[in-house]
Protein backbone atom coordinates (compact mmCIF):
# COMPACT_ATOMS: atom_id res chain seq x y z
CA MET A 1 13.38 158.62 6.50
CA VAL A 2 13.24 155.05 5.16
CA SER A 3 14.22 152.39 7.69
CA VAL A 4 17.14 150.16 6.74
CA THR A 5 15.01 147.23 7.94
CA GLN A 6 12.47 147.90 5.20
CA THR A 7 15.04 147.60 2.42
CA LEU A 8 17.88 145.35 3.58
CA ASP A 9 18.55 142.27 5.65
CA LEU A 10 21.80 142.88 7.48
CA THR A 11 22.12 139.35 8.89
CA GLY A 12 25.65 138.13 8.23
CA LYS A 13 27.06 141.64 7.74
CA LEU A 14 29.75 143.37 9.78
CA LEU A 15 29.18 146.54 11.76
CA ILE A 16 32.31 148.65 12.08
CA ALA A 17 32.28 151.26 14.84
CA MET A 18 33.03 154.81 13.80
CA PRO A 19 35.42 156.86 15.93
CA GLY A 20 33.66 159.03 18.48
CA MET A 21 30.40 157.09 18.42
CA GLY A 22 29.85 157.98 22.07
CA ASP A 23 29.66 154.51 23.64
CA LYS A 24 33.05 153.40 24.98
CA ARG A 25 31.91 149.75 25.08
CA PHE A 26 32.01 149.76 21.28
CA ASP A 27 35.23 151.70 20.60
CA ASN A 28 36.96 150.16 17.55
CA CYS A 29 34.50 147.25 17.55
CA VAL A 30 33.68 144.95 14.70
CA ILE A 31 30.37 143.16 15.20
CA TYR A 32 29.07 140.18 13.26
CA LEU A 33 25.28 140.47 12.91
CA CYS A 34 23.71 137.10 13.73
CA SER A 35 20.12 138.21 13.31
CA TYR A 36 18.43 141.33 12.02
CA SER A 37 14.71 141.94 11.79
CA ALA A 38 12.00 144.52 12.41
CA GLN A 39 11.80 143.23 16.00
CA GLY A 40 15.50 143.80 16.78
CA THR A 41 19.09 142.86 16.10
CA MET A 42 21.63 140.55 17.75
CA GLY A 43 25.36 140.51 17.06
CA LEU A 44 28.71 139.44 18.51
CA ILE A 45 31.73 141.69 19.01
CA LEU A 46 34.54 139.91 17.18
CA ASN A 47 37.53 141.80 18.53
CA GLN A 48 37.31 142.11 22.32
CA PRO A 49 39.24 139.21 23.88
CA MET A 50 38.55 138.68 27.58
CA ALA A 51 41.89 138.79 29.37
CA GLN A 52 40.60 137.10 32.53
CA ALA A 53 38.77 134.23 30.81
CA SER A 54 39.89 131.01 29.18
CA PHE A 55 38.22 128.03 27.57
CA GLY A 56 39.94 125.71 30.05
CA GLY A 57 38.65 127.80 32.96
CA LEU A 58 35.13 127.69 31.58
CA CYS A 59 35.31 123.91 31.20
CA LYS A 60 36.49 123.62 34.80
CA GLN A 61 33.66 125.87 35.99
CA LEU A 62 31.13 123.71 34.10
CA SER A 63 32.75 120.42 35.28
CA ILE A 64 33.59 119.47 31.69
CA GLU A 65 36.82 117.57 31.12
CA ASN A 66 38.89 119.44 28.54
CA SER A 67 40.61 116.29 27.24
CA ALA A 68 41.54 117.97 23.96
CA GLN A 69 43.27 120.86 25.77
CA ARG A 70 42.01 123.16 23.04
CA ASP A 71 42.63 126.85 23.37
CA ILE A 72 39.41 128.42 22.09
CA PRO A 73 39.37 132.23 22.08
CA VAL A 74 37.02 133.73 24.68
CA LEU A 75 35.70 137.15 23.73
CA CYS A 76 33.30 139.71 25.10
CA GLY A 77 30.37 139.33 22.71
CA GLY A 78 28.66 142.42 24.04
CA PRO A 79 27.11 144.02 27.11
CA VAL A 80 23.79 142.13 27.04
CA GLU A 81 23.52 138.94 29.14
CA ALA A 82 27.28 138.97 29.84
CA ASN A 83 27.08 135.65 31.75
CA ARG A 84 25.55 133.79 28.80
CA GLY A 85 27.85 132.01 26.36
CA PHE A 86 27.58 131.75 22.60
CA VAL A 87 29.84 129.75 20.31
CA LEU A 88 30.31 131.01 16.76
CA HIS A 89 31.71 128.09 14.82
CA SER A 90 32.25 126.32 11.54
CA ARG A 91 29.25 124.38 10.21
CA ASP A 92 30.82 120.98 10.84
CA TYR A 93 28.93 120.87 14.15
CA HIS A 94 25.17 120.93 14.66
CA SER A 95 23.07 120.72 17.81
CA ALA A 96 19.44 119.89 17.16
CA GLU A 97 18.59 121.96 20.25
CA SER A 98 20.04 125.32 19.37
CA THR A 99 22.33 125.60 16.35
CA GLN A 100 21.43 128.47 14.06
CA HIS A 101 23.09 128.43 10.63
CA LEU A 102 24.52 131.79 9.63
CA GLY A 103 25.75 132.33 6.10
CA ALA A 104 27.37 129.55 4.11
CA GLN A 105 30.11 128.55 6.56
CA LEU A 106 29.17 129.72 10.07
CA ALA A 107 26.79 128.60 12.78
CA LEU A 108 25.90 129.75 16.27
CA THR A 109 25.20 127.43 19.20
CA SER A 110 24.45 128.45 22.77
CA THR A 111 24.01 125.16 24.61
CA ARG A 112 26.38 123.14 26.77
CA ASP A 113 26.77 120.38 24.18
CA VAL A 114 28.94 122.55 21.91
CA ILE A 115 31.33 123.22 24.83
CA GLU A 116 31.50 119.47 25.48
CA ALA A 117 32.21 118.79 21.80
CA LEU A 118 34.97 121.41 21.74
CA ALA A 119 36.51 119.97 24.90
CA GLN A 120 36.62 116.51 23.28
CA GLU A 121 37.80 117.95 19.95
CA THR A 122 35.09 116.11 18.04
CA ALA A 123 33.88 119.28 16.31
CA PRO A 124 33.63 122.04 15.35
CA ASN A 125 37.03 122.56 13.75
CA GLN A 126 36.93 126.35 14.19
CA ALA A 127 35.21 128.22 16.99
CA SER A 128 35.24 131.26 19.23
CA LEU A 129 33.37 131.55 22.52
CA PHE A 130 31.57 134.80 23.29
CA MET A 131 30.26 135.92 26.65
CA GLY A 132 27.25 138.15 26.14
CA TYR A 133 26.04 139.78 22.96
CA ALA A 134 25.26 143.16 21.44
CA GLY A 135 21.55 143.79 21.04
CA TRP A 136 19.33 146.50 19.63
CA GLY A 137 15.57 146.96 19.91
CA ALA A 138 13.27 147.58 16.97
CA GLY A 139 14.66 150.40 14.81
CA GLN A 140 17.49 151.20 17.23
CA LEU A 141 20.34 150.00 15.01
CA ASP A 142 18.79 151.69 11.97
CA ALA A 143 18.86 154.99 13.88
CA GLU A 144 22.50 154.47 14.91
CA ILE A 145 23.49 153.74 11.30
CA ALA A 146 21.63 156.87 10.18
CA ARG A 147 23.62 158.89 12.78
CA ASN A 148 26.86 157.58 11.23
CA SER A 149 27.80 155.55 14.32
CA TRP A 150 28.46 152.42 12.25
CA LEU A 151 29.77 151.43 8.85
CA LEU A 152 28.52 148.27 7.16
CA ALA A 153 30.68 145.69 5.39
CA ASP A 154 30.28 142.26 3.91
CA ALA A 155 31.62 139.58 6.23
CA ASP A 156 34.39 137.36 4.92
CA GLU A 157 33.32 134.13 6.61
CA ASP A 158 36.74 132.57 5.97
CA LYS A 159 38.38 135.20 8.16
CA ILE A 160 35.89 135.76 10.98
CA LEU A 161 37.21 132.93 13.15
CA GLN A 162 40.82 133.32 12.00
CA GLU A 163 41.47 137.07 11.94
CA GLU A 164 43.86 138.50 14.52
CA HIS A 165 41.59 140.23 17.06
CA GLY A 166 43.85 143.24 17.54
CA ASN A 167 43.91 143.99 13.81
CA MET A 168 40.27 143.27 13.01
CA TRP A 169 38.96 146.88 13.07
CA HIS A 170 41.63 148.06 10.62
CA ALA A 171 41.18 144.95 8.45
CA ALA A 172 37.41 145.50 8.31
CA LEU A 173 37.91 149.12 7.27
CA ASP A 174 40.49 148.06 4.66
CA SER A 175 37.96 145.57 3.25
CA ILE A 176 35.70 148.49 2.28
CA GLY A 177 38.54 150.73 1.12
CA ILE A 178 38.67 153.10 4.09
CA ASP A 179 41.86 154.32 5.74
CA ALA A 180 41.23 154.62 9.51
CA ARG A 181 43.49 157.67 9.68
CA LEU A 182 41.04 159.58 7.49
CA LEU A 183 37.94 158.94 9.61
CA SER A 184 36.48 161.88 11.49
CA THR A 185 34.85 161.72 14.89
CA GLN A 186 32.22 164.14 13.57
CA GLY A 187 29.39 162.98 11.31
CA GLY A 188 27.04 164.94 9.16
CA ARG A 189 24.60 164.99 6.30
CA ALA A 190 24.83 166.82 3.01
């Protein structure tokens, strides 16, 4: 079997969870892949809002004045390092310490300064805050894709920070021409 890593770079792609994948943490998930390499993969779940968390509450916890009173979505980014925050945002903000540019329009920052900037509404214009991330060791994601646990899709960067979270799984499937009602929980190989 040829590893996906050997032929493709999946950074900036979407992973769409297949029904019946066997891990309830990823049911109906859409994950934006922030990095993908032979050493491992890191992504953020785009459609799991955290009901008990708010941007204002986070600012209060960090003793940051939320003078802008912005309402930034707070999502569960994944089960790894669930107490660590990541901000996926438009590229109109850059921290020399930790901003990683992703694609043409998106960036990822994981330091306090981006929270302070959001609280003061200086930048970025668009952002979502993620607690934790989804991570895979070397070859692990390739094996899951080979087992039909995930579908791959191109990410529409214009929609990632604007898409309605509750509709994102269906919208991602629609983007690749798949009707969710026709998906089977059983996979196979011909």
